[in-house]
């Protein structure tokens, strides 16, 4: 993306202000979707939950869980990179026979079936299609979740 490093720095600065509890005024150079997201995070109705969620470290939290765990990340998710983001979770679950990881080939961020290759996905189009009339739960994700639930019921 043109000026990607500068845009990422502006985004990181805004998120750092948000996490620190400071007012967030999005840099006008940021893409429209990001400029819309940032004020939404700090809206009064979202603020306590959004700040707590943003600060949460899933790997640390996983280490505190003492029940069976299923982590599902779709390989067509463009918000979470299943290869880059799973490492800390797998390390936190090391040695736990009750922790299972599932990476459905064609599941997106909300575990719906995504027929297009990940490289062809455009963020604005993907998010708007999460709840489209033709979207369905990915069959591999569904089967894996049902199998896990059956084994732990």
C-alpha atoms as a PDB file:
ATOM      1  CA  UNK A   1       0.000   0.000   0.000  1.00  0.00           C
ATOM      2  CA  UNK A   2       1.388   3.432  -0.844  1.00  0.00           C
ATOM      3  CA  UNK A   3       2.637   5.177   2.315  1.00  0.00           C
ATOM      4  CA  UNK A   4       1.897   1.972   4.253  1.00  0.00           C
ATOM      5  CA  UNK A   5       4.562   2.602   6.887  1.00  0.00           C
ATOM      6  CA  UNK A   6       3.282   6.124   7.539  1.00  0.00           C
ATOM      7  CA  UNK A   7      -0.333   4.963   7.711  1.00  0.00           C
ATOM      8  CA  UNK A   8       0.565   2.168  10.089  1.00  0.00           C
ATOM      9  CA  UNK A   9       2.483   4.617  12.303  1.00  0.00           C
ATOM     10  CA  UNK A  10      -0.562   6.942  12.402  1.00  0.00           C
ATOM     11  CA  UNK A  11      -2.814   3.990  13.254  1.00  0.00           C
ATOM     12  CA  UNK A  12      -0.437   2.737  15.965  1.00  0.00           C
ATOM     13  CA  UNK A  13      -0.289   6.224  17.497  1.00  0.00           C
ATOM     14  CA  UNK A  14      -4.089   6.462  17.591  1.00  0.00           C
ATOM     15  CA  UNK A  15      -4.413   3.017  19.180  1.00  0.00           C
ATOM     16  CA  UNK A  16      -1.728   3.875  21.752  1.00  0.00           C
ATOM     17  CA  UNK A  17      -3.768   6.966  22.712  1.00  0.00           C
ATOM     18  CA  UNK A  18      -6.920   4.827  22.933  1.00  0.00           C
ATOM     19  CA  UNK A  19      -5.261   2.217  25.163  1.00  0.00           C
ATOM     20  CA  UNK A  20      -3.811   4.967  27.367  1.00  0.00           C
ATOM     21  CA  UNK A  21      -7.292   6.418  27.878  1.00  0.00           C
ATOM     22  CA  UNK A  22      -6.580   9.566  25.905  1.00  0.00           C
ATOM     23  CA  UNK A  23      -8.914  11.115  23.310  1.00  0.00           C
ATOM     24  CA  UNK A  24      -8.499   9.680  19.834  1.00  0.00           C
ATOM     25  CA  UNK A  25      -8.648  12.027  16.858  1.00  0.00           C
ATOM     26  CA  UNK A  26      -7.899   9.913  13.784  1.00  0.00           C
ATOM     27  CA  UNK A  27      -5.253  11.244  11.427  1.00  0.00           C
ATOM     28  CA  UNK A  28      -7.014  12.435   8.243  1.00  0.00           C
ATOM     29  CA  UNK A  29      -4.507  10.479   6.141  1.00  0.00           C
ATOM     30  CA  UNK A  30      -5.861   7.165   7.461  1.00  0.00           C
ATOM     31  CA  UNK A  31      -8.275   5.206   5.254  1.00  0.00           C
ATOM     32  CA  UNK A  32     -11.951   5.941   5.839  1.00  0.00           C
ATOM     33  CA  UNK A  33     -12.650   2.564   7.448  1.00  0.00           C
ATOM     34  CA  UNK A  34      -9.948   3.151  10.063  1.00  0.00           C
ATOM     35  CA  UNK A  35     -11.148   6.713  10.712  1.00  0.00           C
ATOM     36  CA  UNK A  36     -14.610   5.233  11.341  1.00  0.00           C
ATOM     37  CA  UNK A  37     -13.333   2.418  13.573  1.00  0.00           C
ATOM     38  CA  UNK A  38     -11.352   4.568  15.986  1.00  0.00           C
ATOM     39  CA  UNK A  39     -14.188   6.805  17.242  1.00  0.00           C
ATOM     40  CA  UNK A  40     -16.412   3.715  17.467  1.00  0.00           C
ATOM     41  CA  UNK A  41     -13.968   2.116  19.887  1.00  0.00           C
ATOM     42  CA  UNK A  42     -14.118   5.081  22.210  1.00  0.00           C
ATOM     43  CA  UNK A  43     -17.884   5.647  22.025  1.00  0.00           C
ATOM     44  CA  UNK A  44     -19.269   5.719  25.567  1.00  0.00           C
ATOM     45  CA  UNK A  45     -21.346   2.560  25.040  1.00  0.00           C
ATOM     46  CA  UNK A  46     -18.320   0.591  23.727  1.00  0.00           C
ATOM     47  CA  UNK A  47     -15.497   2.072  25.746  1.00  0.00           C
ATOM     48  CA  UNK A  48     -15.101  -0.183  28.797  1.00  0.00           C
ATOM     49  CA  UNK A  49     -15.427  -3.394  26.802  1.00  0.00           C
ATOM     50  CA  UNK A  50     -13.415  -2.175  23.804  1.00  0.00           C
ATOM     51  CA  UNK A  51     -10.459  -0.986  25.890  1.00  0.00           C
ATOM     52  CA  UNK A  52     -10.434  -4.181  27.966  1.00  0.00           C
ATOM     53  CA  UNK A  53     -10.641  -6.336  24.833  1.00  0.00           C
ATOM     54  CA  UNK A  54      -7.899  -4.351  23.091  1.00  0.00           C
ATOM     55  CA  UNK A  55      -5.552  -4.817  26.039  1.00  0.00           C
ATOM     56  CA  UNK A  56      -6.297  -8.525  26.431  1.00  0.00           C
ATOM     57  CA  UNK A  57      -3.570 -10.972  25.530  1.00  0.00           C
ATOM     58  CA  UNK A  58      -5.162 -14.210  24.343  1.00  0.00           C
ATOM     59  CA  UNK A  59      -2.029 -16.252  25.038  1.00  0.00           C
ATOM     60  CA  UNK A  60      -1.880 -15.054  28.657  1.00  0.00           C
ATOM     61  CA  UNK A  61      -5.589 -15.728  29.100  1.00  0.00           C
ATOM     62  CA  UNK A  62      -5.264 -19.206  27.570  1.00  0.00           C
ATOM     63  CA  UNK A  63      -2.650 -20.036  30.176  1.00  0.00           C
ATOM     64  CA  UNK A  64      -5.233 -19.302  32.891  1.00  0.00           C
ATOM     65  CA  UNK A  65      -7.946 -21.549  31.460  1.00  0.00           C
ATOM     66  CA  UNK A  66      -8.311 -24.934  33.135  1.00  0.00           C
ATOM     67  CA  UNK A  67     -10.963 -26.458  30.877  1.00  0.00           C
ATOM     68  CA  UNK A  68     -10.697 -27.954  27.390  1.00  0.00           C
ATOM     69  CA  UNK A  69     -10.041 -25.347  24.709  1.00  0.00           C
ATOM     70  CA  UNK A  70     -10.728 -25.162  20.974  1.00  0.00           C
ATOM     71  CA  UNK A  71      -9.009 -22.393  19.007  1.00  0.00           C
ATOM     72  CA  UNK A  72     -10.429 -21.900  15.504  1.00  0.00           C
ATOM     73  CA  UNK A  73      -8.815 -19.555  12.979  1.00  0.00           C
ATOM     74  CA  UNK A  74      -9.902 -19.692   9.352  1.00  0.00           C
ATOM     75  CA  UNK A  75      -7.196 -19.635   6.721  1.00  0.00           C
ATOM     76  CA  UNK A  76      -9.235 -17.088   4.717  1.00  0.00           C
ATOM     77  CA  UNK A  77      -9.374 -14.693   7.689  1.00  0.00           C
ATOM     78  CA  UNK A  78      -7.796 -11.378   6.729  1.00  0.00           C
ATOM     79  CA  UNK A  79      -8.136  -9.898  10.212  1.00  0.00           C
ATOM     80  CA  UNK A  80      -6.159 -12.630  11.968  1.00  0.00           C
ATOM     81  CA  UNK A  81      -3.295 -14.383  10.231  1.00  0.00           C
ATOM     82  CA  UNK A  82      -3.552 -18.025  11.216  1.00  0.00           C
ATOM     83  CA  UNK A  83       0.162 -18.599  10.686  1.00  0.00           C
ATOM     84  CA  UNK A  84       1.513 -15.446  12.313  1.00  0.00           C
ATOM     85  CA  UNK A  85      -0.935 -15.136  15.199  1.00  0.00           C
ATOM     86  CA  UNK A  86      -1.232 -18.732  16.359  1.00  0.00           C
ATOM     87  CA  UNK A  87       2.352 -19.121  17.632  1.00  0.00           C
ATOM     88  CA  UNK A  88       1.843 -17.487  21.039  1.00  0.00           C
ATOM     89  CA  UNK A  89      -1.384 -19.445  21.535  1.00  0.00           C
ATOM     90  CA  UNK A  90       0.267 -22.746  20.684  1.00  0.00           C
ATOM     91  CA  UNK A  91       3.128 -21.984  23.071  1.00  0.00           C
ATOM     92  CA  UNK A  92       0.617 -21.145  25.824  1.00  0.00           C
ATOM     93  CA  UNK A  93      -1.161 -24.467  25.182  1.00  0.00           C
ATOM     94  CA  UNK A  94       2.024 -26.548  24.963  1.00  0.00           C
ATOM     95  CA  UNK A  95       1.689 -29.753  26.927  1.00  0.00           C
ATOM     96  CA  UNK A  96      -2.076 -29.470  27.218  1.00  0.00           C
ATOM     97  CA  UNK A  97      -3.763 -32.505  25.690  1.00  0.00           C
ATOM     98  CA  UNK A  98      -7.132 -30.740  26.132  1.00  0.00           C
ATOM     99  CA  UNK A  99      -6.211 -27.885  23.757  1.00  0.00           C
ATOM    100  CA  UNK A 100      -7.037 -28.294  20.076  1.00  0.00           C
ATOM    101  CA  UNK A 101      -6.319 -26.011  17.138  1.00  0.00           C
ATOM    102  CA  UNK A 102      -8.432 -26.001  13.997  1.00  0.00           C
ATOM    103  CA  UNK A 103      -7.558 -24.068  10.816  1.00  0.00           C
ATOM    104  CA  UNK A 104     -10.343 -24.551   8.256  1.00  0.00           C
ATOM    105  CA  UNK A 105      -9.015 -23.965   4.728  1.00  0.00           C
ATOM    106  CA  UNK A 106     -11.909 -21.811   3.495  1.00  0.00           C
ATOM    107  CA  UNK A 107     -13.228 -20.120   6.655  1.00  0.00           C
ATOM    108  CA  UNK A 108     -13.130 -16.348   7.100  1.00  0.00           C
ATOM    109  CA  UNK A 109     -12.951 -14.268  10.309  1.00  0.00           C
ATOM    110  CA  UNK A 110     -16.466 -15.227  11.399  1.00  0.00           C
ATOM    111  CA  UNK A 111     -15.980 -18.836  10.253  1.00  0.00           C
ATOM    112  CA  UNK A 112     -18.186 -18.441   7.193  1.00  0.00           C
ATOM    113  CA  UNK A 113     -17.214 -20.156   3.948  1.00  0.00           C
ATOM    114  CA  UNK A 114     -15.059 -17.934   1.714  1.00  0.00           C
ATOM    115  CA  UNK A 115     -14.603 -19.336  -1.816  1.00  0.00           C
ATOM    116  CA  UNK A 116     -12.105 -16.703  -2.988  1.00  0.00           C
ATOM    117  CA  UNK A 117      -8.363 -17.091  -2.338  1.00  0.00           C
ATOM    118  CA  UNK A 118      -7.063 -15.021   0.582  1.00  0.00           C
ATOM    119  CA  UNK A 119      -4.883 -12.977  -1.776  1.00  0.00           C
ATOM    120  CA  UNK A 120      -8.005 -11.786  -3.646  1.00  0.00           C
ATOM    121  CA  UNK A 121      -9.863 -10.559  -0.558  1.00  0.00           C
ATOM    122  CA  UNK A 122     -10.401  -6.825  -0.050  1.00  0.00           C
ATOM    123  CA  UNK A 123     -11.098  -5.768   3.563  1.00  0.00           C
ATOM    124  CA  UNK A 124     -14.094  -3.516   2.848  1.00  0.00           C
ATOM    125  CA  UNK A 125     -15.792  -6.172   0.725  1.00  0.00           C
ATOM    126  CA  UNK A 126     -15.091  -8.986   3.169  1.00  0.00           C
ATOM    127  CA  UNK A 127     -16.467  -7.270   6.273  1.00  0.00           C
ATOM    128  CA  UNK A 128     -19.621  -6.137   4.503  1.00  0.00           C
ATOM    129  CA  UNK A 129     -20.252  -9.700   3.357  1.00  0.00           C
ATOM    130  CA  UNK A 130     -19.929 -11.406   6.756  1.00  0.00           C
ATOM    131  CA  UNK A 131     -23.695 -11.486   7.190  1.00  0.00           C
ATOM    132  CA  UNK A 132     -24.780 -11.479   3.568  1.00  0.00           C
ATOM    133  CA  UNK A 133     -27.815 -13.532   2.566  1.00  0.00           C
ATOM    134  CA  UNK A 134     -25.665 -16.130   0.798  1.00  0.00           C
ATOM    135  CA  UNK A 135     -23.075 -16.608   3.556  1.00  0.00           C
ATOM    136  CA  UNK A 136     -22.978 -19.908   5.400  1.00  0.00           C
ATOM    137  CA  UNK A 137     -20.877 -21.405   8.148  1.00  0.00           C
ATOM    138  CA  UNK A 138     -17.864 -23.111   6.620  1.00  0.00           C
ATOM    139  CA  UNK A 139     -18.489 -26.887   6.496  1.00  0.00           C
ATOM    140  CA  UNK A 140     -14.989 -27.773   7.741  1.00  0.00           C
ATOM    141  CA  UNK A 141     -15.278 -25.302  10.620  1.00  0.00           C
ATOM    142  CA  UNK A 142     -18.725 -26.608  11.499  1.00  0.00           C
ATOM    143  CA  UNK A 143     -17.622 -30.246  11.432  1.00  0.00           C
ATOM    144  CA  UNK A 144     -14.555 -29.502  13.564  1.00  0.00           C
ATOM    145  CA  UNK A 145     -16.550 -27.557  16.141  1.00  0.00           C
ATOM    146  CA  UNK A 146     -19.259 -30.241  16.357  1.00  0.00           C
ATOM    147  CA  UNK A 147     -16.654 -32.985  16.690  1.00  0.00           C
ATOM    148  CA  UNK A 148     -14.900 -31.079  19.481  1.00  0.00           C
ATOM    149  CA  UNK A 149     -18.192 -30.403  21.269  1.00  0.00           C
ATOM    150  CA  UNK A 150     -19.174 -34.080  21.037  1.00  0.00           C
ATOM    151  CA  UNK A 151     -15.846 -35.114  22.521  1.00  0.00           C
ATOM    152  CA  UNK A 152     -16.226 -32.663  25.415  1.00  0.00           C
ATOM    153  CA  UNK A 153     -19.942 -32.917  26.191  1.00  0.00           C
END
